[in-house]
Structure formats: structure tokens, C-alpha cells
PDB file of all heavy atoms in Angstrom:
ATOM      1  N   SER A   1      -2.289   1.762  -9.950  1.00  0.00           N
ATOM      2  CA  SER A   1      -2.293   1.033  -8.690  1.00  0.00           C
ATOM      3  C   SER A   1      -1.169  -0.012  -8.642  1.00  0.00           C
ATOM      4  O   SER A   1      -0.841  -0.526  -7.575  1.00  0.00           O
ATOM      5  CB  SER A   1      -3.641   0.347  -8.471  1.00  0.00           C
ATOM      6  OG  SER A   1      -3.919  -0.529  -9.533  1.00  0.00           O
ATOM      7  N   ALA A   2      -0.616  -0.351  -9.803  1.00  0.00           N
ATOM      8  CA  ALA A   2       0.429  -1.371  -9.858  1.00  0.00           C
ATOM      9  C   ALA A   2       1.669  -0.888  -9.089  1.00  0.00           C
ATOM     10  O   ALA A   2       2.420  -1.727  -8.537  1.00  0.00           O
ATOM     11  CB  ALA A   2       0.829  -1.640 -11.293  1.00  0.00           C
ATOM     12  N   LEU A   3       1.941   0.426  -9.021  1.00  0.00           N
ATOM     13  CA  LEU A   3       3.080   0.926  -8.278  1.00  0.00           C
ATOM     14  C   LEU A   3       2.955   0.602  -6.799  1.00  0.00           C
ATOM     15  O   LEU A   3       3.930   0.197  -6.159  1.00  0.00           O
ATOM     16  CB  LEU A   3       3.242   2.425  -8.490  1.00  0.00           C
ATOM     17  CG  LEU A   3       4.551   3.031  -7.983  1.00  0.00           C
ATOM     18  CD1 LEU A   3       5.034   4.144  -8.898  1.00  0.00           C
ATOM     19  CD2 LEU A   3       4.409   3.588  -6.567  1.00  0.00           C
ATOM     20  N   ALA A   4       1.781   0.799  -6.213  1.00  0.00           N
ATOM     21  CA  ALA A   4       1.604   0.483  -4.787  1.00  0.00           C
ATOM     22  C   ALA A   4       1.833  -0.985  -4.506  1.00  0.00           C
ATOM     23  O   ALA A   4       2.421  -1.379  -3.492  1.00  0.00           O
ATOM     24  CB  ALA A   4       0.201   0.922  -4.340  1.00  0.00           C
ATOM     25  N   ASP A   5       1.370  -1.857  -5.418  1.00  0.00           N
ATOM     26  CA  ASP A   5       1.585  -3.289  -5.251  1.00  0.00           C
ATOM     27  C   ASP A   5       3.044  -3.641  -5.330  1.00  0.00           C
ATOM     28  O   ASP A   5       3.555  -4.465  -4.568  1.00  0.00           O
ATOM     29  CB  ASP A   5       0.802  -4.021  -6.346  1.00  0.00           C
ATOM     30  CG  ASP A   5       0.906  -5.532  -6.184  1.00  0.00           C
ATOM     31  OD1 ASP A   5       0.503  -6.063  -5.130  1.00  0.00           O
ATOM     32  OD2 ASP A   5       1.387  -6.214  -7.119  1.00  0.00           O
ATOM     33  N   LEU A   6       3.770  -3.021  -6.277  1.00  0.00           N
ATOM     34  CA  LEU A   6       5.228  -3.250  -6.400  1.00  0.00           C
ATOM     35  C   LEU A   6       5.943  -2.771  -5.151  1.00  0.00           C
ATOM     36  O   LEU A   6       6.840  -3.435  -4.672  1.00  0.00           O
ATOM     37  CB  LEU A   6       5.741  -2.546  -7.630  1.00  0.00           C
ATOM     38  CG  LEU A   6       7.240  -2.666  -7.921  1.00  0.00           C
ATOM     39  CD1 LEU A   6       7.613  -4.114  -8.159  1.00  0.00           C
ATOM     40  CD2 LEU A   6       7.682  -1.807  -9.093  1.00  0.00           C
ATOM     41  N   ALA A   7       5.543  -1.625  -4.606  1.00  0.00           N
ATOM     42  CA  ALA A   7       6.198  -1.112  -3.400  1.00  0.00           C
ATOM     43  C   ALA A   7       5.988  -2.070  -2.228  1.00  0.00           C
ATOM     44  O   ALA A   7       6.900  -2.363  -1.481  1.00  0.00           O
ATOM     45  CB  ALA A   7       5.603   0.265  -3.057  1.00  0.00           C
ATOM     46  N   HIS A   8       4.760  -2.597  -2.096  1.00  0.00           N
ATOM     47  CA  HIS A   8       4.459  -3.566  -1.017  1.00  0.00           C
ATOM     48  C   HIS A   8       5.366  -4.814  -1.131  1.00  0.00           C
ATOM     49  O   HIS A   8       5.908  -5.287  -0.166  1.00  0.00           O
ATOM     50  CB  HIS A   8       3.004  -3.946  -1.078  1.00  0.00           C
ATOM     51  CG  HIS A   8       2.617  -5.042  -0.101  1.00  0.00           C
ATOM     52  ND1 HIS A   8       2.548  -4.833   1.227  1.00  0.00           N
ATOM     53  CD2 HIS A   8       2.325  -6.349  -0.320  1.00  0.00           C
ATOM     54  CE1 HIS A   8       2.231  -5.972   1.859  1.00  0.00           C
ATOM     55  NE2 HIS A   8       2.085  -6.888   0.898  1.00  0.00           N
ATOM     56  N   ARG A   9       5.489  -5.320  -2.345  1.00  0.00           N
ATOM     57  CA  ARG A   9       6.303  -6.521  -2.538  1.00  0.00           C
ATOM     58  C   ARG A   9       7.787  -6.257  -2.334  1.00  0.00           C
ATOM     59  O   ARG A   9       8.526  -7.166  -1.930  1.00  0.00           O
ATOM     60  CB  ARG A   9       6.081  -7.102  -3.945  1.00  0.00           C
ATOM     61  CG  ARG A   9       4.642  -7.491  -4.213  1.00  0.00           C
ATOM     62  CD  ARG A   9       4.521  -8.201  -5.531  1.00  0.00           C
ATOM     63  NE  ARG A   9       3.144  -8.567  -5.807  1.00  0.00           N
ATOM     64  CZ  ARG A   9       2.805  -9.495  -6.708  1.00  0.00           C
ATOM     65  NH1 ARG A   9       3.755 -10.114  -7.378  1.00  0.00           N
ATOM     66  NH2 ARG A   9       1.529  -9.805  -6.920  1.00  0.00           N
ATOM     67  N   ALA A  10       8.219  -5.041  -2.611  1.00  0.00           N
ATOM     68  CA  ALA A  10       9.618  -4.707  -2.465  1.00  0.00           C
ATOM     69  C   ALA A  10       9.977  -4.246  -1.061  1.00  0.00           C
ATOM     70  O   ALA A  10      11.147  -4.103  -0.738  1.00  0.00           O
ATOM     71  CB  ALA A  10      10.013  -3.595  -3.460  1.00  0.00           C
ATOM     72  N   GLY A  11       8.942  -4.024  -0.211  1.00  0.00           N
ATOM     73  CA  GLY A  11       9.214  -3.636   1.171  1.00  0.00           C
ATOM     74  C   GLY A  11       9.563  -2.168   1.346  1.00  0.00           C
ATOM     75  O   GLY A  11      10.265  -1.829   2.279  1.00  0.00           O
ATOM     76  N   VAL A  12       9.090  -1.330   0.450  1.00  0.00           N
ATOM     77  CA  VAL A  12       9.308   0.111   0.586  1.00  0.00           C
ATOM     78  C   VAL A  12       7.943   0.804   0.581  1.00  0.00           C
ATOM     79  O   VAL A  12       6.945   0.218   0.153  1.00  0.00           O
ATOM     80  CB  VAL A  12      10.215   0.680  -0.529  1.00  0.00           C
ATOM     81  CG1 VAL A  12      11.552   0.019  -0.529  1.00  0.00           C
ATOM     82  CG2 VAL A  12       9.536   0.511  -1.912  1.00  0.00           C
ATOM     83  N   SER A  13       7.883   2.044   1.010  1.00  0.00           N
ATOM     84  CA  SER A  13       6.591   2.778   1.041  1.00  0.00           C
ATOM     85  C   SER A  13       6.269   3.251  -0.369  1.00  0.00           C
ATOM     86  O   SER A  13       7.130   3.460  -1.209  1.00  0.00           O
ATOM     87  CB  SER A  13       6.647   3.987   1.988  1.00  0.00           C
ATOM     88  OG  SER A  13       7.541   4.955   1.446  1.00  0.00           O
ATOM     89  N   SER A  14       4.967   3.423  -0.613  1.00  0.00           N
ATOM     90  CA  SER A  14       4.547   3.906  -1.941  1.00  0.00           C
ATOM     91  C   SER A  14       5.056   5.298  -2.190  1.00  0.00           C
ATOM     92  O   SER A  14       5.429   5.647  -3.358  1.00  0.00           O
ATOM     93  CB  SER A  14       3.005   3.887  -2.023  1.00  0.00           C
ATOM     94  OG  SER A  14       2.515   2.577  -1.910  1.00  0.00           O
ATOM     95  N   ARG A  15       5.085   6.161  -1.173  1.00  0.00           N
ATOM     96  CA  ARG A  15       5.592   7.503  -1.324  1.00  0.00           C
ATOM     97  C   ARG A  15       7.086   7.506  -1.730  1.00  0.00           C
ATOM     98  O   ARG A  15       7.502   8.273  -2.623  1.00  0.00           O
ATOM     99  CB  ARG A  15       5.409   8.332  -0.048  1.00  0.00           C
ATOM    100  CG  ARG A  15       3.930   8.573   0.275  1.00  0.00           C
ATOM    101  CD  ARG A  15       3.751   9.205   1.642  1.00  0.00           C
ATOM    102  NE  ARG A  15       4.392  10.532   1.723  1.00  0.00           N
ATOM    103  CZ  ARG A  15       4.383  11.311   2.811  1.00  0.00           C
ATOM    104  NH1 ARG A  15       3.713  10.887   3.887  1.00  0.00           N
ATOM    105  NH2 ARG A  15       4.959  12.490   2.812  1.00  0.00           N
ATOM    106  N   GLN A  16       7.857   6.655  -1.067  1.00  0.00           N
ATOM    107  CA  GLN A  16       9.273   6.591  -1.401  1.00  0.00           C
ATOM    108  C   GLN A  16       9.502   6.086  -2.811  1.00  0.00           C
ATOM    109  O   GLN A  16      10.285   6.641  -3.593  1.00  0.00           O
ATOM    110  CB  GLN A  16      10.002   5.675  -0.405  1.00  0.00           C
ATOM    111  CG  GLN A  16      11.504   5.589  -0.627  1.00  0.00           C
ATOM    112  CD  GLN A  16      12.179   4.671   0.322  1.00  0.00           C
ATOM    113  OE1 GLN A  16      11.788   3.489   0.450  1.00  0.00           O
ATOM    114  NE2 GLN A  16      13.184   5.133   1.033  1.00  0.00           N
ATOM    115  N   LEU A  17       8.773   5.007  -3.183  1.00  0.00           N
ATOM    116  CA  LEU A  17       8.954   4.433  -4.526  1.00  0.00           C
ATOM    117  C   LEU A  17       8.485   5.420  -5.583  1.00  0.00           C
ATOM    118  O   LEU A  17       9.042   5.489  -6.691  1.00  0.00           O
ATOM    119  CB  LEU A  17       8.192   3.115  -4.627  1.00  0.00           C
ATOM    120  CG  LEU A  17       8.408   2.330  -5.944  1.00  0.00           C
ATOM    121  CD1 LEU A  17       9.916   2.106  -6.195  1.00  0.00           C
ATOM    122  CD2 LEU A  17       7.674   1.030  -5.925  1.00  0.00           C
ATOM    123  N   THR A  18       7.403   6.180  -5.308  1.00  0.00           N
ATOM    124  CA  THR A  18       6.962   7.176  -6.288  1.00  0.00           C
ATOM    125  C   THR A  18       8.035   8.206  -6.529  1.00  0.00           C
ATOM    126  O   THR A  18       8.296   8.616  -7.653  1.00  0.00           O
ATOM    127  CB  THR A  18       5.698   7.880  -5.752  1.00  0.00           C
ATOM    128  OG1 THR A  18       4.668   6.887  -5.634  1.00  0.00           O
ATOM    129  CG2 THR A  18       5.232   8.954  -6.741  1.00  0.00           C
ATOM    130  N   SER A  19       8.714   8.650  -5.440  1.00  0.00           N
ATOM    131  CA  SER A  19       9.818   9.598  -5.577  1.00  0.00           C
ATOM    132  C   SER A  19      10.930   9.017  -6.398  1.00  0.00           C
ATOM    133  O   SER A  19      11.503   9.702  -7.260  1.00  0.00           O
ATOM    134  CB  SER A  19      10.320  10.002  -4.179  1.00  0.00           C
ATOM    135  OG  SER A  19      11.433  10.868  -4.268  1.00  0.00           O
ATOM    136  N   TRP A  20      11.290   7.756  -6.152  1.00  0.00           N
ATOM    137  CA  TRP A  20      12.325   7.104  -6.925  1.00  0.00           C
ATOM    138  C   TRP A  20      11.915   6.998  -8.400  1.00  0.00           C
ATOM    139  O   TRP A  20      12.780   7.243  -9.289  1.00  0.00           O
ATOM    140  CB  TRP A  20      12.605   5.720  -6.383  1.00  0.00           C
ATOM    141  CG  TRP A  20      13.236   5.663  -5.031  1.00  0.00           C
ATOM    142  CD1 TRP A  20      13.487   6.710  -4.208  1.00  0.00           C
ATOM    143  CD2 TRP A  20      13.733   4.497  -4.362  1.00  0.00           C
ATOM    144  NE1 TRP A  20      14.090   6.262  -3.057  1.00  0.00           N
ATOM    145  CE2 TRP A  20      14.239   4.917  -3.130  1.00  0.00           C
ATOM    146  CE3 TRP A  20      13.728   3.135  -4.661  1.00  0.00           C
ATOM    147  CZ2 TRP A  20      14.771   4.029  -2.185  1.00  0.00           C
ATOM    148  CZ3 TRP A  20      14.270   2.263  -3.727  1.00  0.00           C
ATOM    149  CH2 TRP A  20      14.759   2.670  -2.534  1.00  0.00           C
ATOM    150  N   ALA A  21      10.684   6.667  -8.610  1.00  0.00           N
ATOM    151  CA  ALA A  21      10.207   6.461 -10.004  1.00  0.00           C
ATOM    152  C   ALA A  21      10.290   7.765 -10.818  1.00  0.00           C
ATOM    153  O   ALA A  21      10.687   7.809 -11.964  1.00  0.00           O
ATOM    154  CB  ALA A  21       8.803   5.927  -9.986  1.00  0.00           C
ATOM    155  N   VAL A  22       9.875   8.887 -10.165  1.00  0.00           N
ATOM    156  CA  VAL A  22       9.936  10.168 -10.826  1.00  0.00           C
ATOM    157  C   VAL A  22      11.379  10.536 -11.136  1.00  0.00           C
ATOM    158  O   VAL A  22      11.703  11.039 -12.205  1.00  0.00           O
ATOM    159  CB  VAL A  22       9.257  11.264  -9.979  1.00  0.00           C
ATOM    160  CG1 VAL A  22       9.496  12.638 -10.574  1.00  0.00           C
ATOM    161  CG2 VAL A  22       7.758  10.977  -9.846  1.00  0.00           C
ATOM    162  N   ALA A  23      12.269  10.298 -10.158  1.00  0.00           N
ATOM    163  CA  ALA A  23      13.703  10.617 -10.377  1.00  0.00           C
ATOM    164  C   ALA A  23      14.250   9.789 -11.527  1.00  0.00           C
ATOM    165  O   ALA A  23      15.011  10.350 -12.355  1.00  0.00           O
ATOM    166  CB  ALA A  23      14.490  10.338  -9.095  1.00  0.00           C
ATOM    167  N   TRP A  24      13.873   8.524 -11.605  1.00  0.00           N
ATOM    168  CA  TRP A  24      14.347   7.686 -12.738  1.00  0.00           C
ATOM    169  C   TRP A  24      13.807   8.169 -14.070  1.00  0.00           C
ATOM    170  O   TRP A  24      14.520   8.221 -15.072  1.00  0.00           O
ATOM    171  CB  TRP A  24      13.981   6.253 -12.496  1.00  0.00           C
ATOM    172  CG  TRP A  24      14.604   5.329 -13.512  1.00  0.00           C
ATOM    173  CD1 TRP A  24      14.132   5.014 -14.700  1.00  0.00           C
ATOM    174  CD2 TRP A  24      15.912   4.711 -13.381  1.00  0.00           C
ATOM    175  NE1 TRP A  24      15.009   4.188 -15.379  1.00  0.00           N
ATOM    176  CE2 TRP A  24      16.117   3.993 -14.584  1.00  0.00           C
ATOM    177  CE3 TRP A  24      16.893   4.689 -12.415  1.00  0.00           C
ATOM    178  CZ2 TRP A  24      17.259   3.258 -14.827  1.00  0.00           C
ATOM    179  CZ3 TRP A  24      18.048   3.957 -12.647  1.00  0.00           C
ATOM    180  CH2 TRP A  24      18.233   3.250 -13.835  1.00  0.00           C
ATOM    181  N   ARG A  25      12.531   8.517 -14.091  1.00  0.00           N
ATOM    182  CA  ARG A  25      11.900   8.985 -15.307  1.00  0.00           C
ATOM    183  C   ARG A  25      12.571  10.253 -15.823  1.00  0.00           C
ATOM    184  O   ARG A  25      12.762  10.422 -17.047  1.00  0.00           O
ATOM    185  CB  ARG A  25      10.438   9.245 -15.067  1.00  0.00           C
ATOM    186  CG  ARG A  25       9.649   9.673 -16.329  1.00  0.00           C
ATOM    187  CD  ARG A  25       8.254  10.120 -15.956  1.00  0.00           C
ATOM    188  NE  ARG A  25       8.256  11.280 -15.101  1.00  0.00           N
ATOM    189  CZ  ARG A  25       7.169  11.818 -14.531  1.00  0.00           C
ATOM    190  NH1 ARG A  25       5.997  11.205 -14.721  1.00  0.00           N
ATOM    191  NH2 ARG A  25       7.228  12.901 -13.769  1.00  0.00           N
ATOM    192  N   GLU A  26      12.919  11.161 -14.913  1.00  0.00           N
ATOM    193  CA  GLU A  26      13.458  12.437 -15.329  1.00  0.00           C
ATOM    194  C   GLU A  26      14.913  12.399 -15.654  1.00  0.00           C
ATOM    195  O   GLU A  26      15.428  13.163 -16.499  1.00  0.00           O
ATOM    196  CB  GLU A  26      13.203  13.493 -14.254  1.00  0.00           C
ATOM    197  CG  GLU A  26      11.718  13.729 -13.940  1.00  0.00           C
ATOM    198  CD  GLU A  26      10.998  14.338 -15.104  1.00  0.00           C
ATOM    199  OE1 GLU A  26      11.639  14.816 -16.036  1.00  0.00           O
ATOM    200  OE2 GLU A  26       9.739  14.313 -15.080  1.00  0.00           O
ATOM    201  N   ALA A  27      15.701  11.557 -14.930  1.00  0.00           N
ATOM    202  CA  ALA A  27      17.161  11.633 -15.103  1.00  0.00           C
ATOM    203  C   ALA A  27      17.872  10.308 -14.960  1.00  0.00           C
ATOM    204  O   ALA A  27      19.093  10.277 -14.831  1.00  0.00           O
ATOM    205  CB  ALA A  27      17.750  12.640 -14.093  1.00  0.00           C
ATOM    206  N   GLY A  28      17.139   9.180 -14.960  1.00  0.00           N
ATOM    207  CA  GLY A  28      17.770   7.883 -14.918  1.00  0.00           C
ATOM    208  C   GLY A  28      18.552   7.635 -13.634  1.00  0.00           C
ATOM    209  O   GLY A  28      18.159   8.122 -12.562  1.00  0.00           O
ATOM    210  N   ALA A  29      19.638   6.874 -13.742  1.00  0.00           N
ATOM    211  CA  ALA A  29      20.383   6.470 -12.574  1.00  0.00           C
ATOM    212  C   ALA A  29      21.001   7.661 -11.823  1.00  0.00           C
ATOM    213  O   ALA A  29      21.061   7.697 -10.588  1.00  0.00           O
ATOM    214  CB  ALA A  29      21.497   5.504 -12.959  1.00  0.00           C
ATOM    215  N   ALA A  30      21.432   8.674 -12.570  1.00  0.00           N
ATOM    216  CA  ALA A  30      21.999   9.880 -11.944  1.00  0.00           C
ATOM    217  C   ALA A  30      20.971  10.598 -11.126  1.00  0.00           C
ATOM    218  O   ALA A  30      21.225  11.066 -10.012  1.00  0.00           O
ATOM    219  CB  ALA A  30      22.615  10.791 -13.004  1.00  0.00           C
ATOM    220  N   GLY A  31      19.741  10.697 -11.667  1.00  0.00           N
ATOM    221  CA  GLY A  31      18.678  11.358 -10.926  1.00  0.00           C
ATOM    222  C   GLY A  31      18.312  10.631  -9.679  1.00  0.00           C
ATOM    223  O   GLY A  31      18.068  11.230  -8.614  1.00  0.00           O
TER     224      GLY A  31
END
């Protein structure tokens, strides 16, 4: 649930931040 809280504070949607997080986990900045 911490991801949703972080998304709210950053002003982005949870779905968008989840997509970004997965991309970072799989391939870092390039992903």
C-alpha cells in the first residue's frame, strides 16, 4: 500500500507509478 501513498504525494496515478516501478525493476533507467 506504500506505493499508492507515494503516488498520491507525487501527484501521479497509482497505475502509472506501478508501470514506472515495474520498468525500473526490470531494466532501470533505460527501461
